C-alpha atoms as a PDB file:
ATOM      1  CA  MET A   1      74.574 289.198  79.002  1.00  0.00           C
ATOM      2  CA  LEU A   2      75.582 291.797  76.788  1.00  0.00           C
ATOM      3  CA  VAL A   3      74.549 289.769  73.151  1.00  0.00           C
ATOM      4  CA  VAL A   4      71.182 290.330  72.282  1.00  0.00           C
ATOM      5  CA  LYS A   5      69.965 286.495  70.581  1.00  0.00           C
ATOM      6  CA  SER A   6      67.064 289.028  68.726  1.00  0.00           C
ATOM      7  CA  LYS A   7      69.428 291.483  67.230  1.00  0.00           C
ATOM      8  CA  ILE A   8      71.572 288.728  65.631  1.00  0.00           C
ATOM      9  CA  LYS A   9      69.116 287.479  63.804  1.00  0.00           C
ATOM     10  CA  GLU A  10      68.057 290.631  62.455  1.00  0.00           C
ATOM     11  CA  ILE A  11      71.279 291.178  61.346  1.00  0.00           C
ATOM     12  CA  VAL A  12      71.659 287.501  59.189  1.00  0.00           C
ATOM     13  CA  ASN A  13      68.289 288.276  57.464  1.00  0.00           C
ATOM     14  CA  ASP A  14      67.110 284.862  56.438  1.00  0.00           C
ATOM     15  CA  LEU A  15      69.861 282.794  58.039  1.00  0.00           C
ATOM     16  CA  ASN A  16      69.283 280.269  60.538  1.00  0.00           C
ATOM     17  CA  VAL A  17      71.350 280.854  63.993  1.00  0.00           C
ATOM     18  CA  SER A  18      72.605 278.462  65.892  1.00  0.00           C
ATOM     19  CA  GLY A  19      72.151 278.007  69.804  1.00  0.00           C
ATOM     20  CA  ASP A  20      75.576 278.270  70.662  1.00  0.00           C
ATOM     21  CA  PHE A  21      76.591 281.421  68.344  1.00  0.00           C
ATOM     22  CA  ALA A  22      75.151 283.680  70.919  1.00  0.00           C
ATOM     23  CA  GLU A  23      77.149 282.124  73.220  1.00  0.00           C
ATOM     24  CA  ALA A  24      80.431 282.839  71.444  1.00  0.00           C
ATOM     25  CA  LEU A  25      79.911 285.915  70.706  1.00  0.00           C
ATOM     26  CA  GLU A  26      79.503 286.768  73.993  1.00  0.00           C
ATOM     27  CA  LYS A  27      83.075 285.377  74.783  1.00  0.00           C
ATOM     28  CA  LYS A  28      84.291 287.489  71.743  1.00  0.00           C
ATOM     29  CA  VAL A  29      82.308 290.387  72.813  1.00  0.00           C
ATOM     30  CA  GLU A  30      83.756 290.375  76.091  1.00  0.00           C
ATOM     31  CA  HIS A  31      87.456 289.674  75.222  1.00  0.00           C
ATOM     32  CA  LEU A  32      87.345 292.528  72.894  1.00  0.00           C
ATOM     33  CA  ILE A  33      86.293 294.876  76.195  1.00  0.00           C
ATOM     34  CA  HIS A  34      88.986 293.485  78.008  1.00  0.00           C
ATOM     35  CA  ASP A  35      91.648 294.325  75.572  1.00  0.00           C
ATOM     36  CA  ALA A  36      90.545 297.495  74.905  1.00  0.00           C
ATOM     37  CA  CYS A  37      90.718 298.159  78.815  1.00  0.00           C
ATOM     38  CA  GLU A  38      93.957 297.140  79.297  1.00  0.00           C
ATOM     39  CA  ARG A  39      94.999 299.407  76.036  1.00  0.00           C
ATOM     40  CA  CYS A  40      93.405 301.871  77.485  1.00  0.00           C
ATOM     41  CA  LYS A  41      94.902 301.681  80.901  1.00  0.00           C
ATOM     42  CA  ALA A  42      98.472 301.107  79.143  1.00  0.00           C
ATOM     43  CA  ASN A  43      97.575 304.902  77.687  1.00  0.00           C
ATOM     44  CA  GLY A  44      97.473 306.195  81.184  1.00  0.00           C
ATOM     45  CA  ARG A  45      93.479 306.886  80.172  1.00  0.00           C
ATOM     46  CA  ARG A  46      90.495 306.084  82.036  1.00  0.00           C
ATOM     47  CA  THR A  47      88.070 306.784  79.529  1.00  0.00           C
ATOM     48  CA  VAL A  48      87.853 303.268  77.107  1.00  0.00           C
ATOM     49  CA  GLN A  49      87.296 305.123  73.552  1.00  0.00           C
ATOM     50  CA  SER A  50      86.649 303.348  69.967  1.00  0.00           C
ATOM     51  CA  ARG A  51      90.274 303.204  69.329  1.00  0.00           C
ATOM     52  CA  ASP A  52      91.405 300.939  72.267  1.00  0.00           C
ATOM     53  CA  LEU A  53      89.287 298.621  69.929  1.00  0.00           C
END
């Protein structure tokens, strides 16, 4: 798991977090990482960098 629920709660402060929020966020993060990897490969590199996001 890439997303830590306790860290989400730290960021949202006094708001409640639904049970499915972390799962949805996890999917988005995985998608971002996958897209960054594809961009990295397309640019002929083997190191994923912040600019790939």
